[in-house]
Each structure stands twice: as C-alpha cells, then as structure tokens.
N, C-alpha and C. Protein backbone atom coordinates (compact mmCIF):
# COMPACT_ATOMS: atom_id res chain seq x y z
N UNK A 1 11.64 7.05 38.77
CA UNK A 1 10.85 8.06 38.93
C UNK A 1 9.99 8.14 40.11
N UNK A 2 8.75 7.46 40.12
CA UNK A 2 7.87 7.49 41.23
C UNK A 2 7.82 6.08 41.87
N UNK A 3 8.64 5.10 41.45
CA UNK A 3 8.71 4.02 42.18
C UNK A 3 7.45 3.06 41.93
N UNK A 4 6.58 3.45 41.01
CA UNK A 4 5.36 2.79 40.59
C UNK A 4 5.88 1.58 39.79
N UNK A 5 4.97 0.43 39.81
CA UNK A 5 5.52 -0.60 38.77
C UNK A 5 5.33 -0.20 37.32
N UNK A 6 6.29 -0.69 36.47
CA UNK A 6 6.28 -0.21 35.14
C UNK A 6 4.93 -0.59 34.23
N UNK A 7 4.18 -1.79 34.94
CA UNK A 7 2.93 -1.95 34.34
C UNK A 7 1.66 -1.32 34.60
N UNK A 8 1.91 -0.23 35.56
CA UNK A 8 0.73 0.62 35.96
C UNK A 8 0.39 1.31 34.78
N UNK A 9 -0.95 1.58 34.81
CA UNK A 9 -1.53 2.28 33.60
C UNK A 9 -2.72 2.94 33.91
N UNK A 10 -3.01 4.01 33.32
CA UNK A 10 -4.41 4.63 33.54
C UNK A 10 -4.96 5.03 32.12
N UNK A 11 -6.12 5.26 31.86
CA UNK A 11 -6.77 5.56 30.63
C UNK A 11 -6.77 7.18 30.50
N UNK A 12 -6.22 7.72 29.46
CA UNK A 12 -6.21 9.19 29.31
C UNK A 12 -7.54 9.78 28.90
N UNK A 13 -7.67 11.02 28.74
CA UNK A 13 -9.01 11.59 28.29
C UNK A 13 -9.55 11.16 26.96
N UNK A 14 -8.48 10.59 26.18
CA UNK A 14 -8.83 10.18 24.77
C UNK A 14 -9.07 8.74 24.64
N UNK A 15 -9.13 7.97 25.70
CA UNK A 15 -9.48 6.54 25.84
C UNK A 15 -8.37 5.75 25.53
N UNK A 16 -7.23 6.30 25.57
CA UNK A 16 -5.89 5.63 25.24
C UNK A 16 -5.07 5.12 26.57
N UNK A 17 -4.37 4.13 26.51
CA UNK A 17 -3.73 3.71 27.80
C UNK A 17 -2.41 4.68 27.97
N UNK A 18 -2.28 5.11 29.17
CA UNK A 18 -1.28 6.01 29.52
C UNK A 18 -0.35 5.41 30.46
N UNK A 19 0.96 5.19 30.31
CA UNK A 19 1.78 4.75 31.33
C UNK A 19 2.95 5.83 31.59
N UNK A 20 3.84 5.57 32.56
CA UNK A 20 4.87 6.44 32.67
C UNK A 20 5.87 6.40 31.44
N UNK A 21 5.95 5.47 30.69
CA UNK A 21 6.70 5.45 29.48
C UNK A 21 6.11 6.18 28.30
N UNK A 22 4.67 6.28 28.25
CA UNK A 22 4.03 6.94 27.27
C UNK A 22 3.71 8.41 27.52
N UNK A 23 4.18 8.87 28.69
CA UNK A 23 3.87 10.40 29.10
C UNK A 23 4.63 11.30 28.10
N UNK A 24 4.18 12.55 28.03
CA UNK A 24 5.00 13.39 27.24
C UNK A 24 6.44 13.48 27.58
N UNK A 25 7.43 13.58 26.68
CA UNK A 25 8.88 13.66 27.00
C UNK A 25 9.07 14.63 27.99
N UNK A 26 10.18 14.44 28.89
CA UNK A 26 10.57 15.54 29.68
C UNK A 26 10.98 16.75 29.16
N UNK A 27 11.50 16.64 28.06
CA UNK A 27 11.87 17.93 27.44
C UNK A 27 10.89 18.49 26.35
N UNK A 28 9.66 18.38 26.85
CA UNK A 28 8.52 18.95 25.99
C UNK A 28 8.58 20.30 26.12
N UNK A 29 8.50 21.13 25.11
CA UNK A 29 8.50 22.40 25.03
C UNK A 29 7.11 23.04 24.45
N UNK A 30 6.47 22.49 23.55
CA UNK A 30 5.33 22.94 23.09
C UNK A 30 4.17 22.13 23.68
N UNK A 31 3.45 22.81 24.70
CA UNK A 31 2.34 22.20 25.58
C UNK A 31 1.10 22.22 24.72
N UNK A 32 0.62 21.39 24.06
CA UNK A 32 -0.74 21.23 23.31
C UNK A 32 -1.60 20.71 24.40
N UNK A 33 -2.90 20.97 24.28
CA UNK A 33 -4.04 20.50 25.23
C UNK A 33 -3.79 19.01 25.42
N UNK A 34 -3.72 18.24 24.65
CA UNK A 34 -3.50 16.80 24.74
C UNK A 34 -2.46 16.55 25.66
N UNK A 35 -1.33 16.96 25.61
CA UNK A 35 -0.13 16.65 26.63
C UNK A 35 -0.60 17.19 27.99
N UNK A 36 -1.18 18.49 28.13
CA UNK A 36 -1.41 18.89 29.39
C UNK A 36 -2.44 17.98 30.04
N UNK A 37 -3.37 17.57 29.28
CA UNK A 37 -4.46 16.53 29.87
C UNK A 37 -3.89 15.28 30.31
N UNK A 38 -2.97 14.81 29.56
CA UNK A 38 -2.33 13.62 29.84
C UNK A 38 -1.41 13.67 31.10
N UNK A 39 -0.86 14.80 31.34
CA UNK A 39 -0.14 14.91 32.61
C UNK A 39 -1.08 15.03 33.79
N UNK A 40 -2.11 15.68 33.58
CA UNK A 40 -3.11 15.85 34.75
C UNK A 40 -3.69 14.40 35.08
N UNK A 41 -4.06 13.82 33.98
CA UNK A 41 -4.55 12.28 34.10
C UNK A 41 -3.54 11.50 34.91
N UNK A 42 -2.24 11.58 34.46
CA UNK A 42 -1.20 10.82 35.19
C UNK A 42 -1.24 11.05 36.56
N UNK A 43 -1.21 12.34 36.89
CA UNK A 43 -1.14 12.63 38.22
C UNK A 43 -2.37 12.07 39.06
N UNK A 44 -3.51 12.34 38.56
CA UNK A 44 -4.87 11.61 39.21
C UNK A 44 -4.84 10.33 39.22
N UNK A 45 -4.13 9.65 38.25
CA UNK A 45 -4.21 8.19 38.20
C UNK A 45 -3.13 7.51 39.04
N UNK A 46 -2.28 8.31 39.60
CA UNK A 46 -1.31 7.95 40.43
C UNK A 46 0.03 7.39 39.68
N UNK A 47 0.29 7.76 38.54
CA UNK A 47 1.35 7.43 37.79
C UNK A 47 2.58 8.21 38.17
N UNK A 48 2.37 9.46 38.50
CA UNK A 48 3.45 10.22 39.04
C UNK A 48 2.84 11.18 40.03
N UNK A 49 3.58 11.93 40.82
CA UNK A 49 3.03 12.77 41.81
C UNK A 49 3.16 14.25 41.18
N UNK A 50 2.55 15.16 41.97
CA UNK A 50 2.50 16.47 41.46
C UNK A 50 4.01 17.02 41.32
N UNK A 51 4.70 16.68 42.43
CA UNK A 51 6.09 17.30 42.46
C UNK A 51 6.99 16.66 41.40
N UNK A 52 6.65 15.32 41.18
CA UNK A 52 7.40 14.70 39.98
C UNK A 52 7.02 15.35 38.61
N UNK A 53 5.92 15.80 38.47
CA UNK A 53 5.44 16.37 37.29
C UNK A 53 6.20 17.62 37.10
N UNK A 54 6.12 18.50 38.16
CA UNK A 54 6.68 19.85 38.07
C UNK A 54 8.21 19.68 37.83
N UNK A 55 8.99 18.76 38.41
CA UNK A 55 10.29 18.57 38.35
C UNK A 55 10.56 17.99 36.95
N UNK A 56 9.95 17.00 36.35
CA UNK A 56 10.09 16.57 35.22
C UNK A 56 9.99 17.40 34.04
N UNK A 57 8.99 18.22 34.05
CA UNK A 57 8.45 19.23 32.98
C UNK A 57 9.00 20.65 33.17
N UNK A 58 9.58 20.90 34.31
CA UNK A 58 10.01 22.22 34.74
C UNK A 58 8.93 23.17 34.79
N UNK A 59 7.82 22.82 35.25
CA UNK A 59 6.53 23.89 35.37
C UNK A 59 6.30 23.99 36.86
N UNK A 60 5.64 24.90 37.14
CA UNK A 60 5.37 25.32 38.45
C UNK A 60 4.08 24.75 39.10
N UNK A 61 3.90 24.70 40.34
CA UNK A 61 2.77 24.04 40.72
C UNK A 61 1.63 24.83 40.52
N UNK A 62 1.80 26.19 40.52
CA UNK A 62 0.60 27.08 40.11
C UNK A 62 0.15 26.83 38.56
N UNK A 63 1.14 26.49 37.61
CA UNK A 63 0.79 26.25 36.37
C UNK A 63 -0.01 24.99 36.25
N UNK A 64 0.46 24.00 36.96
CA UNK A 64 -0.13 22.73 36.96
C UNK A 64 -1.51 22.88 37.44
N UNK A 65 -1.74 23.43 38.68
CA UNK A 65 -3.02 23.79 39.16
C UNK A 65 -3.89 24.43 38.09
N UNK A 66 -3.47 25.30 37.39
CA UNK A 66 -4.15 25.99 36.35
C UNK A 66 -4.74 25.08 35.28
N UNK A 67 -3.97 24.18 34.80
CA UNK A 67 -4.35 23.26 33.92
C UNK A 67 -5.42 22.28 34.51
N UNK A 68 -5.34 21.96 35.77
CA UNK A 68 -6.31 20.99 36.33
C UNK A 68 -7.72 21.91 36.42
N UNK A 69 -7.63 22.98 36.84
CA UNK A 69 -8.86 24.08 37.11
C UNK A 69 -9.52 24.16 35.72
N UNK A 70 -8.71 24.58 34.76
CA UNK A 70 -9.32 24.78 33.45
C UNK A 70 -9.91 23.51 32.89
N UNK A 71 -9.29 22.47 33.08
CA UNK A 71 -9.73 21.11 32.37
C UNK A 71 -11.04 20.77 33.18
N UNK A 72 -11.11 20.94 34.65
CA UNK A 72 -12.34 20.61 35.34
C UNK A 72 -13.56 21.52 35.14
N UNK A 73 -13.09 22.75 34.92
CA UNK A 73 -14.23 23.80 34.94
C UNK A 73 -14.72 24.03 33.42
N UNK A 74 -13.74 23.91 32.49
CA UNK A 74 -14.23 24.15 30.95
C UNK A 74 -13.83 23.18 29.92
N UNK A 75 -13.22 22.11 30.44
CA UNK A 75 -12.96 21.02 29.55
C UNK A 75 -11.68 21.20 28.66
N UNK A 76 -11.40 20.27 27.86
CA UNK A 76 -10.13 20.18 27.04
C UNK A 76 -9.76 21.37 26.29
N UNK A 77 -10.86 21.83 25.69
CA UNK A 77 -10.52 23.13 24.85
C UNK A 77 -9.89 24.20 25.62
N UNK A 78 -10.22 24.39 26.77
CA UNK A 78 -9.72 25.47 27.67
C UNK A 78 -8.26 25.42 27.78
N UNK A 79 -7.66 24.25 27.56
CA UNK A 79 -6.17 24.10 27.87
C UNK A 79 -5.43 24.67 26.67
N UNK A 80 -6.03 25.19 25.41
CA UNK A 80 -5.53 25.85 24.41
C UNK A 80 -4.94 27.14 24.87
N UNK A 81 -3.78 27.56 24.60
CA UNK A 81 -3.16 28.79 25.18
C UNK A 81 -3.95 29.97 24.82
N UNK A 82 -4.66 30.01 23.76
CA UNK A 82 -5.47 31.41 23.52
C UNK A 82 -6.76 31.28 24.43
N UNK A 83 -7.29 30.05 24.54
CA UNK A 83 -8.36 29.88 25.43
C UNK A 83 -7.99 30.12 26.92
N UNK A 84 -6.89 29.65 27.35
CA UNK A 84 -6.46 29.79 28.62
C UNK A 84 -6.49 31.29 29.04
N UNK A 85 -5.89 32.19 28.16
CA UNK A 85 -5.93 33.51 28.37
C UNK A 85 -7.33 34.19 28.61
N UNK A 86 -8.30 33.72 27.76
CA UNK A 86 -9.52 34.06 27.83
C UNK A 86 -10.25 33.72 29.16
N UNK A 87 -10.05 32.34 29.54
CA UNK A 87 -10.74 31.92 30.69
C UNK A 87 -10.08 32.58 31.92
N UNK A 88 -8.78 32.84 32.00
CA UNK A 88 -8.08 33.52 33.08
C UNK A 88 -8.66 35.00 33.09
N UNK A 89 -8.81 35.67 32.05
CA UNK A 89 -9.33 36.97 32.10
C UNK A 89 -10.84 37.09 32.59
N UNK A 90 -11.43 36.13 32.31
CA UNK A 90 -12.97 35.93 32.73
C UNK A 90 -12.89 35.73 34.24
N UNK A 91 -12.15 34.94 34.65
CA UNK A 91 -12.01 34.51 36.24
C UNK A 91 -11.54 35.82 36.95
N UNK A 92 -10.62 36.50 36.44
CA UNK A 92 -10.07 37.76 37.07
C UNK A 92 -11.12 38.77 37.08
N UNK A 93 -11.90 38.91 36.08
CA UNK A 93 -13.03 40.00 36.09
C UNK A 93 -14.12 39.58 37.17
N UNK A 94 -14.25 38.28 37.32
CA UNK A 94 -15.21 37.70 38.52
C UNK A 94 -14.63 37.75 39.81
N UNK A 95 -13.40 38.35 39.98
CA UNK A 95 -12.94 38.47 41.24
C UNK A 95 -12.08 37.24 41.79
N UNK A 96 -11.60 36.37 40.87
CA UNK A 96 -10.78 35.29 41.18
C UNK A 96 -9.34 35.69 40.93
N UNK A 97 -8.44 34.91 41.73
CA UNK A 97 -7.04 35.20 41.29
C UNK A 97 -6.76 34.10 40.28
N UNK A 98 -5.33 33.99 39.97
CA UNK A 98 -4.87 33.18 38.99
C UNK A 98 -5.03 31.64 39.23
N UNK A 99 -5.24 31.39 40.50
CA UNK A 99 -5.47 30.04 41.08
C UNK A 99 -6.90 29.73 41.19
N UNK A 100 -7.74 30.54 40.79
CA UNK A 100 -9.15 30.50 40.87
C UNK A 100 -9.79 30.54 42.16
N UNK A 101 -9.15 31.44 43.03
CA UNK A 101 -9.74 31.50 44.44
C UNK A 101 -10.40 33.04 44.35
N UNK A 102 -11.52 32.95 44.92
CA UNK A 102 -12.25 34.21 45.07
C UNK A 102 -11.67 35.18 46.05
N UNK A 103 -12.17 36.43 46.13
CA UNK A 103 -11.68 37.36 47.14
C UNK A 103 -11.90 36.84 48.54
N UNK A 104 -10.85 37.37 49.47
CA UNK A 104 -10.97 36.78 50.86
C UNK A 104 -12.25 37.22 51.60
C-alpha cells in the first residue's frame, strides 16, 4: 500500500491504536462517523496518503475533504449523514460551496 512499515501506528480519535491493518476494510459500504474519523486520522498520521484512501475506499477527494472539514469545524457528530446534510445546508446558506470555500 503506502510502503510504510507495518509497525507504524497513530492514535485515533477514540484513543485506540490505528495501523494500516486496523483501518476500515477496503470494501466498507456503511460509513459511520467512527470509520470516517479513522480514515482522516490515518491520513493525517501518515499511515496512508489521500490518494491511497480515495483509491482504497472508492471515494472522491471532495468527499474526503468534506469529512476533514466537518470533523475540524464541528467535531465527530458532524460526520453522521443526517448531520452532514444539515452542516452542508448551513454552509451553503452562508455562501460557502460544498468544499467550504466562500464566494470569490
């Protein structure tokens, strides 16, 4: 995968050790907040690259960016699908696009 040593690990948002082997499975279909946060944490901790995450999980860079932004701006609860829709609607009404950028 990323060529990192198998012993490399980071601590996830729940205080648990996260390694490449303990990441959510590549065939994950149901994206609960915990799994989204683990992927973001793995990228930030250098376990996998953004591109590897997108390829492994079949998600777009824009989707991954939205997970990061929601997590940073609103915390773990914002990664719930119903919450994501609300936070995106709020951002849109404030003049931000889907990636959180304001008007030009």
